[in-house]
Every structure is written in C-alpha cells, then in structure tokens.
Amino acid sequence: MKRTSWIFCDDVNKSLSPNVKVLRELKVPESCIKLLLTHYPEALFEKADEFRASVSKVLEMGFSPLKSMFVLALHAISGDANKVTWARCYQSYSDWGWSEDDIHMAFRKHPNCMLMSQEKISETMDFLVHKMGWNSRTIATCPTVLFFNLKSRIIPRCSVIELLSSRGLITKRLKLSTVLIPSEKSFLERFVVKFEEIPELPDFYKGKVGVQES
C-alpha cells in the first residue's frame, strides 16, 4: 500500500483526473485503470495533450480499450524513459531485419517487447537466428520467446531438438512456438520421455551438453 498510497491524495487526483477521464470515455474497464494507477502511474502523469496522443497511437495500432493489453501498450509508449527505450528496441529489431509491420505485430502481441534491454534482444535473437536457423522475422510472430531465459529454457530445449534431428527422429522443421512455448511438462512428454531409447537425451535437456558445444 505504501508504494501507491500517494495516488489517493487529493492534489494528485486532480492532476490525474483529465487523463483518467479520457480512459473512461473510451470505456476502459475500471480494473484496467487501476492497473495503470498501481503499477504504471507515470503514464497517467503525462501532459493532457501528450497523453491523448499516446492513447490515439495505441488505438491506431489496433488495441481494444476494453482489454488489459490496451493499458500495457499505453504504458510502453508513455513517459520519457519508456520512449527512449522504445526507440532503442525499435532500432534493435530493425537491425535484425524486422519491418515496421513486424515490430507493430510483435508489440500488439506483447507490448513489453518494446521495453527490453538491447542486450537481451541481441543474445536471444543471435542464438535463435544464427545457431538454430530460425528466420528473425518469424520471431516477431511469437515475441514471447524473447522473454524466456536463454540458459534455463531456450538452450536446453533447442539442444534436445538438435539431438533428435541429428538422429533422424524429427524430420520436419518445427515451429518456434512448438519448441519454446509449451509448459515444461508438455515439452518433456513430447520430446524427452517419448524418446527414452536415447539415454543421453536427459543430459541434453539438463544442460550438461548441448548445441553450444556442437
């Protein structure tokens, strides 16, 4: 409560009122407005004209004001710090071959992909594109994978897939989402337990050996 108790002061409410009114006029659910107030209040402290411009931009990109994703997108493009981060992320994705449409598509799927560190973007893209051979623009269709831990999730799973492919047990190119999105239980059942005749497979998954060493 301490973190957000200042939000409920009268003076602060007066400064927030015009921007909150804009959201209510768009029928943004009160639960979503509360999400902004408690977790991303800086978005609501923009000047009224800047806030309206941010809202318009989010609407133009196809976000529904009735969904929580709307306020997440609004947060991502609001405030000086986030705008700087957005620009850096935009450049990083562009450097990896993403078009403006690719970037906007990824943003619609996962707004926080425009608030990532350039280092995280680079190391994940480098592995998936250069080591695993996925097209960089394919990653724009599934930006959630950019948030996965490289060492604990991405590399172990890709190591398993590489081993199965080298043994001819997987003959077609798997989708990025098929490999990285499923829960650990689902992945293990489909790609590890199913191939128990390969004794070294668990070691590949546990990271004792893997594609980095090949």
Foldseek 3Di string as FASTA:
>chain_A
DVQQPVCPDPVNCVQLVLLVVVLVVLVQDPVLVVCCRRPPVQLSNDPNVVNVVLLVVLVVLPDRSPDSLSSLLSSCCGDPVSVVLLVVLVVLLVVLPDDPVLQSLLCSVPVCSSNDDSVLVVVQLCCCCVLVNDRSSLCSNPVVQSPDDCQQAVFLQSFLVVVCVVVVNDPDDDRPCVRGVDDPVVSCVVRPPVPVVPVCSVVSNRPVDGSVVD
